[in-house]
Amino acid sequence: MSNSKPQWVAMGYIKGVFGVKGWLKVSVSTEYTDSLLDYSEWRLCKDGHSQRMTVVEGKVHGDELQVKFDGIDDRDEAARLRGYTIEVDRADFAATEDNEFYWADLVGLSVTNREGVMLGKVESLMETGAHDVLVIRGEYGEKLIPFVNQFVDEVSLPEQRMVVDWGMDY
């Protein structure tokens, strides 16, 4: 028996119902709209309540995902799930390539610059189109650092730290 607790990562939310047979419309916060279909079990959370659901069918329609859960067979049952956040256990994520990271793994890392000054911790990331941007908060306020090789020297997930080429004056 494993003693590691699940690390739940928010991947989107249920935004409404579709049709009369229990289908749901999902707003996805992953790079690819269909990425959530890689996981057959989701945890739904809202107002401190959570429940696990099994996805039995799913399809992409435009920029939204439409899914059908096991045991949700009509519009009224589906409507009760509106507004729930969709979470997936981090342990179920596919392995990454070298120098490839999931955002969920970067949030919380301590960030120092080459001079050894602690800039803070990764609070979140932003997608800008060109590249992702780290949002760092610490003693020196908020820093926005592009997550590209030019500025990120080292990422050590085991040590929960990152070293960046970022001066105090930018």
N, C-alpha and C. Protein backbone atom coordinates (compact mmCIF):
# COMPACT_ATOMS: atom_id res chain seq x y z
N MET A 1 0.83 -1.17 0.00
CA MET A 1 0.00 0.00 0.00
C MET A 1 0.88 1.25 0.00
N SER A 2 0.60 2.18 -0.88
CA SER A 2 1.39 3.40 -0.99
C SER A 2 0.99 4.38 0.10
N ASN A 3 1.98 5.06 0.66
CA ASN A 3 1.66 6.04 1.69
C ASN A 3 1.63 7.46 1.15
N SER A 4 1.79 7.61 -0.17
CA SER A 4 1.76 8.96 -0.73
C SER A 4 0.32 9.37 -1.01
N LYS A 5 -0.02 10.56 -0.52
CA LYS A 5 -1.36 11.07 -0.72
C LYS A 5 -1.46 11.62 -2.15
N PRO A 6 -2.64 11.55 -2.74
CA PRO A 6 -2.80 12.13 -4.07
C PRO A 6 -2.53 13.63 -4.05
N GLN A 7 -1.89 14.12 -5.09
CA GLN A 7 -1.70 15.56 -5.28
C GLN A 7 -2.66 15.96 -6.39
N TRP A 8 -3.77 16.54 -6.03
CA TRP A 8 -4.80 16.87 -7.00
C TRP A 8 -4.46 18.15 -7.72
N VAL A 9 -4.56 18.13 -9.05
CA VAL A 9 -4.23 19.28 -9.89
C VAL A 9 -5.49 19.68 -10.67
N ALA A 10 -5.88 20.95 -10.52
CA ALA A 10 -7.06 21.45 -11.24
C ALA A 10 -6.77 21.51 -12.73
N MET A 11 -7.69 20.97 -13.53
CA MET A 11 -7.48 20.89 -14.98
C MET A 11 -8.60 21.55 -15.78
N GLY A 12 -9.59 22.12 -15.08
CA GLY A 12 -10.71 22.76 -15.77
C GLY A 12 -11.93 22.75 -14.88
N TYR A 13 -13.08 23.06 -15.46
CA TYR A 13 -14.32 23.04 -14.69
C TYR A 13 -15.49 22.72 -15.60
N ILE A 14 -16.58 22.28 -14.97
CA ILE A 14 -17.80 21.95 -15.72
C ILE A 14 -18.60 23.23 -15.89
N LYS A 15 -18.82 23.62 -17.15
CA LYS A 15 -19.48 24.90 -17.39
C LYS A 15 -20.95 24.79 -17.76
N GLY A 16 -21.42 23.59 -18.04
CA GLY A 16 -22.84 23.46 -18.35
C GLY A 16 -23.18 22.08 -18.88
N VAL A 17 -24.44 21.96 -19.31
CA VAL A 17 -24.93 20.68 -19.84
C VAL A 17 -25.08 20.77 -21.35
N PHE A 18 -25.11 19.60 -21.97
CA PHE A 18 -25.27 19.51 -23.41
C PHE A 18 -26.27 18.39 -23.70
N GLY A 19 -27.37 18.74 -24.32
CA GLY A 19 -28.37 17.73 -24.66
C GLY A 19 -29.15 17.25 -23.44
N VAL A 20 -29.86 16.14 -23.62
CA VAL A 20 -30.75 15.63 -22.57
C VAL A 20 -30.29 14.30 -21.96
N LYS A 21 -29.16 13.76 -22.42
CA LYS A 21 -28.73 12.43 -21.98
C LYS A 21 -27.59 12.45 -20.96
N GLY A 22 -27.37 13.62 -20.31
CA GLY A 22 -26.36 13.67 -19.25
C GLY A 22 -24.99 14.12 -19.68
N TRP A 23 -24.85 14.62 -20.89
CA TRP A 23 -23.56 15.12 -21.36
C TRP A 23 -23.27 16.47 -20.72
N LEU A 24 -21.98 16.75 -20.50
CA LEU A 24 -21.54 18.00 -19.88
C LEU A 24 -20.55 18.74 -20.77
N LYS A 25 -20.59 20.07 -20.69
CA LYS A 25 -19.61 20.91 -21.38
C LYS A 25 -18.53 21.28 -20.37
N VAL A 26 -17.27 21.12 -20.78
CA VAL A 26 -16.13 21.33 -19.89
C VAL A 26 -15.23 22.41 -20.45
N SER A 27 -14.84 23.35 -19.59
CA SER A 27 -13.82 24.33 -19.92
C SER A 27 -12.49 23.76 -19.43
N VAL A 28 -11.55 23.59 -20.33
CA VAL A 28 -10.30 22.90 -20.04
C VAL A 28 -9.16 23.89 -19.89
N SER A 29 -8.33 23.72 -18.86
CA SER A 29 -7.16 24.57 -18.68
C SER A 29 -5.88 23.76 -18.90
N THR A 30 -5.87 23.03 -20.02
CA THR A 30 -4.68 22.28 -20.43
C THR A 30 -4.28 22.76 -21.82
N GLU A 31 -3.08 22.41 -22.23
CA GLU A 31 -2.59 22.89 -23.53
C GLU A 31 -3.47 22.42 -24.68
N TYR A 32 -3.91 21.17 -24.62
CA TYR A 32 -4.76 20.61 -25.67
C TYR A 32 -6.13 20.29 -25.09
N THR A 33 -7.17 20.66 -25.79
CA THR A 33 -8.54 20.49 -25.31
C THR A 33 -8.84 19.05 -24.94
N ASP A 34 -8.31 18.09 -25.70
CA ASP A 34 -8.64 16.68 -25.44
C ASP A 34 -7.72 16.00 -24.41
N SER A 35 -6.77 16.75 -23.83
CA SER A 35 -5.83 16.15 -22.87
C SER A 35 -6.53 15.48 -21.70
N LEU A 36 -7.63 16.05 -21.24
CA LEU A 36 -8.33 15.47 -20.09
C LEU A 36 -8.87 14.08 -20.38
N LEU A 37 -9.09 13.77 -21.65
CA LEU A 37 -9.60 12.43 -22.00
C LEU A 37 -8.56 11.34 -21.78
N ASP A 38 -7.30 11.74 -21.50
CA ASP A 38 -6.26 10.76 -21.17
C ASP A 38 -6.49 10.14 -19.80
N TYR A 39 -7.38 10.75 -18.99
CA TYR A 39 -7.63 10.30 -17.63
C TYR A 39 -9.08 9.84 -17.52
N SER A 40 -9.29 8.58 -17.16
CA SER A 40 -10.67 8.07 -17.10
C SER A 40 -11.35 8.43 -15.78
N GLU A 41 -10.55 8.70 -14.73
CA GLU A 41 -11.15 9.07 -13.46
C GLU A 41 -10.81 10.51 -13.12
N TRP A 42 -11.85 11.28 -12.80
CA TRP A 42 -11.68 12.68 -12.40
C TRP A 42 -12.23 12.86 -11.01
N ARG A 43 -11.67 13.81 -10.29
CA ARG A 43 -12.26 14.21 -9.01
C ARG A 43 -12.92 15.56 -9.25
N LEU A 44 -14.19 15.67 -8.88
CA LEU A 44 -14.93 16.92 -9.02
C LEU A 44 -15.04 17.57 -7.64
N CYS A 45 -14.73 18.87 -7.55
CA CYS A 45 -14.74 19.57 -6.26
C CYS A 45 -15.51 20.88 -6.37
N LYS A 46 -16.29 21.16 -5.31
CA LYS A 46 -17.01 22.43 -5.23
C LYS A 46 -17.45 22.62 -3.79
N ASP A 47 -17.19 23.80 -3.26
CA ASP A 47 -17.64 24.15 -1.90
C ASP A 47 -17.25 23.11 -0.85
N GLY A 48 -16.02 22.61 -0.93
CA GLY A 48 -15.54 21.65 0.07
C GLY A 48 -16.02 20.23 -0.13
N HIS A 49 -16.84 20.00 -1.14
CA HIS A 49 -17.36 18.66 -1.42
C HIS A 49 -16.60 18.10 -2.62
N SER A 50 -16.23 16.83 -2.58
CA SER A 50 -15.59 16.22 -3.74
C SER A 50 -16.18 14.84 -3.99
N GLN A 51 -16.13 14.45 -5.26
CA GLN A 51 -16.60 13.12 -5.64
C GLN A 51 -15.79 12.67 -6.85
N ARG A 52 -15.59 11.39 -6.94
CA ARG A 52 -14.85 10.84 -8.09
C ARG A 52 -15.85 10.37 -9.13
N MET A 53 -15.52 10.67 -10.38
CA MET A 53 -16.39 10.30 -11.49
C MET A 53 -15.55 9.59 -12.55
N THR A 54 -16.19 8.66 -13.25
CA THR A 54 -15.53 7.94 -14.34
C THR A 54 -16.07 8.44 -15.67
N VAL A 55 -15.17 8.85 -16.54
CA VAL A 55 -15.54 9.33 -17.87
C VAL A 55 -15.75 8.10 -18.76
N VAL A 56 -16.94 8.00 -19.38
CA VAL A 56 -17.21 6.86 -20.26
C VAL A 56 -17.13 7.25 -21.73
N GLU A 57 -17.25 8.55 -22.02
CA GLU A 57 -17.17 9.01 -23.40
C GLU A 57 -16.81 10.48 -23.39
N GLY A 58 -16.12 10.92 -24.43
CA GLY A 58 -15.78 12.33 -24.54
C GLY A 58 -15.46 12.71 -25.97
N LYS A 59 -15.69 13.99 -26.28
CA LYS A 59 -15.37 14.48 -27.63
C LYS A 59 -15.11 15.98 -27.56
N VAL A 60 -14.34 16.46 -28.54
CA VAL A 60 -14.05 17.89 -28.64
C VAL A 60 -15.04 18.50 -29.61
N HIS A 61 -15.60 19.63 -29.20
CA HIS A 61 -16.51 20.38 -30.06
C HIS A 61 -16.07 21.84 -30.00
N GLY A 62 -15.43 22.33 -31.08
CA GLY A 62 -14.87 23.67 -31.07
C GLY A 62 -13.74 23.75 -30.06
N ASP A 63 -13.83 24.70 -29.12
CA ASP A 63 -12.77 24.82 -28.12
C ASP A 63 -13.20 24.26 -26.76
N GLU A 64 -14.29 23.49 -26.76
CA GLU A 64 -14.72 22.90 -25.49
C GLU A 64 -14.74 21.38 -25.60
N LEU A 65 -14.69 20.78 -24.43
CA LEU A 65 -14.74 19.33 -24.31
C LEU A 65 -16.15 18.96 -23.86
N GLN A 66 -16.70 17.91 -24.43
CA GLN A 66 -18.00 17.40 -24.00
C GLN A 66 -17.76 15.99 -23.48
N VAL A 67 -18.27 15.70 -22.28
CA VAL A 67 -18.04 14.39 -21.66
C VAL A 67 -19.32 13.81 -21.10
N LYS A 68 -19.28 12.50 -20.96
CA LYS A 68 -20.38 11.73 -20.37
C LYS A 68 -19.76 10.92 -19.25
N PHE A 69 -20.33 11.06 -18.02
CA PHE A 69 -19.87 10.30 -16.86
C PHE A 69 -20.73 9.06 -16.66
N ASP A 70 -20.11 8.04 -16.11
CA ASP A 70 -20.83 6.83 -15.72
C ASP A 70 -21.86 7.21 -14.66
N GLY A 71 -23.12 6.81 -14.86
CA GLY A 71 -24.17 7.03 -13.88
C GLY A 71 -24.88 8.37 -13.99
N ILE A 72 -24.45 9.24 -14.89
CA ILE A 72 -25.14 10.52 -15.11
C ILE A 72 -25.86 10.39 -16.45
N ASP A 73 -27.19 10.17 -16.38
CA ASP A 73 -27.92 9.79 -17.59
C ASP A 73 -28.99 10.77 -18.04
N ASP A 74 -29.16 11.88 -17.32
CA ASP A 74 -30.13 12.86 -17.81
C ASP A 74 -29.66 14.28 -17.52
N ARG A 75 -30.32 15.22 -18.13
CA ARG A 75 -29.94 16.63 -18.06
C ARG A 75 -29.96 17.16 -16.62
N ASP A 76 -30.95 16.76 -15.82
CA ASP A 76 -31.04 17.26 -14.44
C ASP A 76 -29.87 16.78 -13.59
N GLU A 77 -29.50 15.50 -13.71
CA GLU A 77 -28.35 14.98 -12.96
C GLU A 77 -27.08 15.72 -13.38
N ALA A 78 -26.93 15.93 -14.69
CA ALA A 78 -25.75 16.62 -15.22
C ALA A 78 -25.71 18.07 -14.72
N ALA A 79 -26.85 18.75 -14.70
CA ALA A 79 -26.90 20.15 -14.29
C ALA A 79 -26.41 20.36 -12.87
N ARG A 80 -26.58 19.36 -12.01
CA ARG A 80 -26.12 19.48 -10.62
C ARG A 80 -24.59 19.55 -10.53
N LEU A 81 -23.89 19.16 -11.58
CA LEU A 81 -22.42 19.16 -11.56
C LEU A 81 -21.82 20.47 -12.10
N ARG A 82 -22.67 21.37 -12.57
CA ARG A 82 -22.20 22.64 -13.11
C ARG A 82 -21.41 23.40 -12.03
N GLY A 83 -20.26 23.95 -12.45
CA GLY A 83 -19.44 24.73 -11.53
C GLY A 83 -18.40 23.93 -10.77
N TYR A 84 -18.43 22.60 -10.89
CA TYR A 84 -17.42 21.80 -10.21
C TYR A 84 -16.08 21.93 -10.90
N THR A 85 -15.01 22.03 -10.11
CA THR A 85 -13.64 22.02 -10.63
C THR A 85 -13.25 20.58 -10.90
N ILE A 86 -12.56 20.36 -12.01
CA ILE A 86 -12.10 19.02 -12.38
C ILE A 86 -10.64 18.88 -11.95
N GLU A 87 -10.34 17.84 -11.20
CA GLU A 87 -8.99 17.59 -10.74
C GLU A 87 -8.55 16.18 -11.14
N VAL A 88 -7.24 16.06 -11.38
CA VAL A 88 -6.64 14.78 -11.73
C VAL A 88 -5.45 14.58 -10.80
N ASP A 89 -5.22 13.36 -10.38
CA ASP A 89 -4.08 13.05 -9.50
C ASP A 89 -2.78 13.22 -10.29
N ARG A 90 -1.84 14.00 -9.74
CA ARG A 90 -0.55 14.26 -10.40
C ARG A 90 0.17 12.95 -10.73
N ALA A 91 -0.01 11.92 -9.91
CA ALA A 91 0.65 10.64 -10.14
C ALA A 91 0.21 9.98 -11.45
N ASP A 92 -0.95 10.39 -11.97
CA ASP A 92 -1.46 9.80 -13.21
C ASP A 92 -0.92 10.51 -14.47
N PHE A 93 -0.21 11.63 -14.29
CA PHE A 93 0.32 12.35 -15.45
C PHE A 93 1.36 11.49 -16.18
N ALA A 94 1.46 11.67 -17.48
CA ALA A 94 2.48 10.98 -18.27
C ALA A 94 3.86 11.54 -17.90
N ALA A 95 4.88 10.72 -18.08
CA ALA A 95 6.25 11.18 -17.81
C ALA A 95 6.61 12.31 -18.78
N THR A 96 7.48 13.20 -18.32
CA THR A 96 7.92 14.31 -19.18
C THR A 96 9.28 13.99 -19.78
N GLU A 97 9.60 14.69 -20.84
CA GLU A 97 10.93 14.59 -21.45
C GLU A 97 11.91 15.40 -20.61
N ASP A 98 13.21 15.27 -20.90
CA ASP A 98 14.20 16.10 -20.22
C ASP A 98 13.89 17.57 -20.47
N ASN A 99 14.07 18.39 -19.46
CA ASN A 99 13.81 19.83 -19.53
C ASN A 99 12.39 20.17 -19.95
N GLU A 100 11.46 19.29 -19.61
CA GLU A 100 10.04 19.54 -19.84
C GLU A 100 9.36 19.37 -18.48
N PHE A 101 8.45 20.30 -18.15
CA PHE A 101 7.86 20.28 -16.82
C PHE A 101 6.37 20.57 -16.91
N TYR A 102 5.63 19.99 -15.98
CA TYR A 102 4.24 20.36 -15.81
C TYR A 102 4.20 21.61 -14.93
N TRP A 103 3.29 22.52 -15.24
CA TRP A 103 3.15 23.73 -14.43
C TRP A 103 2.96 23.37 -12.97
N ALA A 104 2.16 22.35 -12.70
CA ALA A 104 1.86 21.96 -11.32
C ALA A 104 3.12 21.62 -10.54
N ASP A 105 4.17 21.16 -11.23
CA ASP A 105 5.43 20.82 -10.56
C ASP A 105 6.28 22.05 -10.27
N LEU A 106 6.08 23.12 -11.03
CA LEU A 106 6.89 24.33 -10.86
C LEU A 106 6.35 25.24 -9.76
N VAL A 107 5.03 25.23 -9.58
CA VAL A 107 4.42 26.10 -8.56
C VAL A 107 4.94 25.69 -7.18
N GLY A 108 5.42 26.67 -6.43
CA GLY A 108 5.95 26.43 -5.09
C GLY A 108 7.46 26.31 -5.02
N LEU A 109 8.14 26.19 -6.18
CA LEU A 109 9.60 26.10 -6.15
C LEU A 109 10.20 27.40 -5.66
N SER A 110 11.30 27.31 -4.89
CA SER A 110 12.06 28.49 -4.47
C SER A 110 12.92 28.93 -5.65
N VAL A 111 12.98 30.25 -5.85
CA VAL A 111 13.72 30.79 -6.98
C VAL A 111 14.82 31.72 -6.49
N THR A 112 16.07 31.40 -6.88
CA THR A 112 17.20 32.29 -6.59
C THR A 112 17.82 32.70 -7.90
N ASN A 113 18.51 33.85 -7.89
CA ASN A 113 19.22 34.25 -9.10
C ASN A 113 20.67 33.76 -9.02
N ARG A 114 21.45 34.03 -10.07
CA ARG A 114 22.83 33.55 -10.14
C ARG A 114 23.69 34.09 -9.00
N GLU A 115 23.31 35.24 -8.46
CA GLU A 115 24.06 35.84 -7.35
C GLU A 115 23.66 35.25 -6.00
N GLY A 116 22.71 34.33 -6.01
CA GLY A 116 22.29 33.68 -4.78
C GLY A 116 21.21 34.43 -4.01
N VAL A 117 20.63 35.47 -4.61
CA VAL A 117 19.56 36.22 -3.96
C VAL A 117 18.24 35.47 -4.14
N MET A 118 17.55 35.24 -3.01
CA MET A 118 16.25 34.56 -3.05
C MET A 118 15.21 35.54 -3.58
N LEU A 119 14.66 35.24 -4.76
CA LEU A 119 13.64 36.11 -5.36
C LEU A 119 12.25 35.80 -4.84
N GLY A 120 12.05 34.57 -4.38
CA GLY A 120 10.74 34.17 -3.87
C GLY A 120 10.38 32.77 -4.33
N LYS A 121 9.07 32.54 -4.41
CA LYS A 121 8.57 31.24 -4.86
C LYS A 121 7.71 31.42 -6.09
N VAL A 122 7.67 30.37 -6.92
CA VAL A 122 6.79 30.39 -8.09
C VAL A 122 5.36 30.33 -7.58
N GLU A 123 4.61 31.40 -7.85
CA GLU A 123 3.21 31.45 -7.41
C GLU A 123 2.29 30.86 -8.48
N SER A 124 2.61 31.13 -9.74
CA SER A 124 1.80 30.62 -10.85
C SER A 124 2.58 30.81 -12.14
N LEU A 125 1.97 30.42 -13.24
CA LEU A 125 2.53 30.66 -14.56
C LEU A 125 1.46 31.27 -15.43
N MET A 126 1.90 32.03 -16.43
CA MET A 126 0.98 32.64 -17.39
C MET A 126 1.39 32.20 -18.78
N GLU A 127 0.40 31.97 -19.61
CA GLU A 127 0.64 31.63 -21.00
C GLU A 127 0.53 32.93 -21.80
N THR A 128 1.58 33.27 -22.55
CA THR A 128 1.56 34.53 -23.31
C THR A 128 1.47 34.32 -24.80
N GLY A 129 1.52 33.10 -25.24
CA GLY A 129 1.53 32.82 -26.68
C GLY A 129 2.93 32.49 -27.15
N ALA A 130 3.87 33.39 -26.88
CA ALA A 130 5.26 33.15 -27.28
C ALA A 130 5.92 32.11 -26.37
N HIS A 131 5.70 32.26 -25.07
CA HIS A 131 6.29 31.35 -24.08
C HIS A 131 5.56 31.53 -22.76
N ASP A 132 5.80 30.60 -21.84
CA ASP A 132 5.19 30.71 -20.51
C ASP A 132 6.01 31.69 -19.67
N VAL A 133 5.35 32.34 -18.71
CA VAL A 133 6.00 33.29 -17.83
C VAL A 133 5.77 32.87 -16.38
N LEU A 134 6.88 32.80 -15.62
CA LEU A 134 6.80 32.47 -14.20
C LEU A 134 6.37 33.71 -13.43
N VAL A 135 5.45 33.56 -12.51
CA VAL A 135 5.06 34.64 -11.60
C VAL A 135 5.70 34.29 -10.25
N ILE A 136 6.71 35.10 -9.86
CA ILE A 136 7.47 34.86 -8.64
C ILE A 136 7.07 35.91 -7.61
N ARG A 137 6.76 35.49 -6.40
CA ARG A 137 6.46 36.43 -5.31
C ARG A 137 7.41 36.17 -4.16
N GLY A 138 7.93 37.29 -3.63
CA GLY A 138 8.84 37.17 -2.49
C GLY A 138 9.08 38.51 -1.85
N GLU A 139 10.16 38.57 -1.10
CA GLU A 139 10.54 39.76 -0.35
C GLU A 139 10.67 41.00 -1.24
N TYR A 140 11.04 40.80 -2.50
CA TYR A 140 11.26 41.92 -3.42
C TYR A 140 10.05 42.17 -4.31
N GLY A 141 8.90 41.66 -3.92
CA GLY A 141 7.68 41.87 -4.68
C GLY A 141 7.49 40.81 -5.75
N GLU A 142 6.71 41.17 -6.76
CA GLU A 142 6.40 40.23 -7.84
C GLU A 142 7.39 40.40 -8.98
N LYS A 143 7.89 39.30 -9.49
CA LYS A 143 8.78 39.28 -10.66
C LYS A 143 8.12 38.39 -11.71
N LEU A 144 8.14 38.84 -12.96
CA LEU A 144 7.64 38.04 -14.08
C LEU A 144 8.85 37.64 -14.91
N ILE A 145 9.12 36.34 -14.96
CA ILE A 145 10.32 35.84 -15.63
C ILE A 145 9.91 34.86 -16.72
N PRO A 146 10.32 35.14 -17.97
CA PRO A 146 10.00 34.19 -19.06
C PRO A 146 10.61 32.82 -18.75
N PHE A 147 9.82 31.76 -18.92
CA PHE A 147 10.30 30.41 -18.66
C PHE A 147 10.94 29.87 -19.93
N VAL A 148 12.14 30.39 -20.22
CA VAL A 148 12.91 30.00 -21.40
C VAL A 148 14.36 29.77 -20.97
N ASN A 149 15.10 28.99 -21.76
CA ASN A 149 16.49 28.66 -21.42
C ASN A 149 17.37 29.88 -21.21
N GLN A 150 17.08 30.96 -21.89
CA GLN A 150 17.88 32.18 -21.76
C GLN A 150 17.89 32.68 -20.31
N PHE A 151 16.81 32.49 -19.58
CA PHE A 151 16.71 33.02 -18.22
C PHE A 151 16.69 31.96 -17.12
N VAL A 152 16.32 30.73 -17.46
CA VAL A 152 16.24 29.67 -16.45
C VAL A 152 17.46 28.76 -16.59
N ASP A 153 18.34 28.83 -15.58
CA ASP A 153 19.58 28.05 -15.61
C ASP A 153 19.36 26.61 -15.17
N GLU A 154 18.55 26.44 -14.11
CA GLU A 154 18.42 25.10 -13.52
C GLU A 154 17.07 24.97 -12.84
N VAL A 155 16.46 23.79 -13.01
CA VAL A 155 15.24 23.44 -12.29
C VAL A 155 15.52 22.11 -11.61
N SER A 156 15.40 22.07 -10.28
CA SER A 156 15.59 20.83 -9.54
C SER A 156 14.30 20.53 -8.78
N LEU A 157 13.50 19.62 -9.33
CA LEU A 157 12.25 19.24 -8.65
C LEU A 157 12.53 18.53 -7.32
N PRO A 158 13.53 17.61 -7.26
CA PRO A 158 13.79 16.95 -5.97
C PRO A 158 14.16 17.94 -4.87
N GLU A 159 14.90 19.00 -5.23
CA GLU A 159 15.33 20.00 -4.24
C GLU A 159 14.34 21.17 -4.15
N GLN A 160 13.28 21.13 -4.97
CA GLN A 160 12.24 22.17 -4.96
C GLN A 160 12.82 23.57 -5.14
N ARG A 161 13.74 23.69 -6.14
CA ARG A 161 14.36 24.99 -6.36
C ARG A 161 14.64 25.23 -7.84
N MET A 162 14.86 26.51 -8.15
CA MET A 162 15.16 26.95 -9.50
C MET A 162 16.18 28.06 -9.43
N VAL A 163 17.13 28.07 -10.37
CA VAL A 163 18.12 29.15 -10.46
C VAL A 163 17.88 29.88 -11.77
N VAL A 164 17.81 31.22 -11.70
CA VAL A 164 17.51 32.02 -12.89
C VAL A 164 18.57 33.10 -13.09
N ASP A 165 18.71 33.52 -14.33
CA ASP A 165 19.57 34.65 -14.68
C ASP A 165 18.66 35.88 -14.71
N TRP A 166 18.48 36.49 -13.54
CA TRP A 166 17.53 37.60 -13.42
C TRP A 166 18.04 38.56 -12.38
N GLY A 167 18.35 39.78 -12.82
CA GLY A 167 18.86 40.79 -11.91
C GLY A 167 17.78 41.41 -11.04
N MET A 168 18.19 42.03 -9.98
CA MET A 168 17.24 42.67 -9.06
C MET A 168 16.61 43.91 -9.67
N ASP A 169 17.24 44.47 -10.69
CA ASP A 169 16.74 45.72 -11.28
C ASP A 169 15.86 45.51 -12.50
N TYR A 170 15.52 44.25 -12.82
CA TYR A 170 14.54 44.05 -13.90
C TYR A 170 13.43 43.17 -13.48
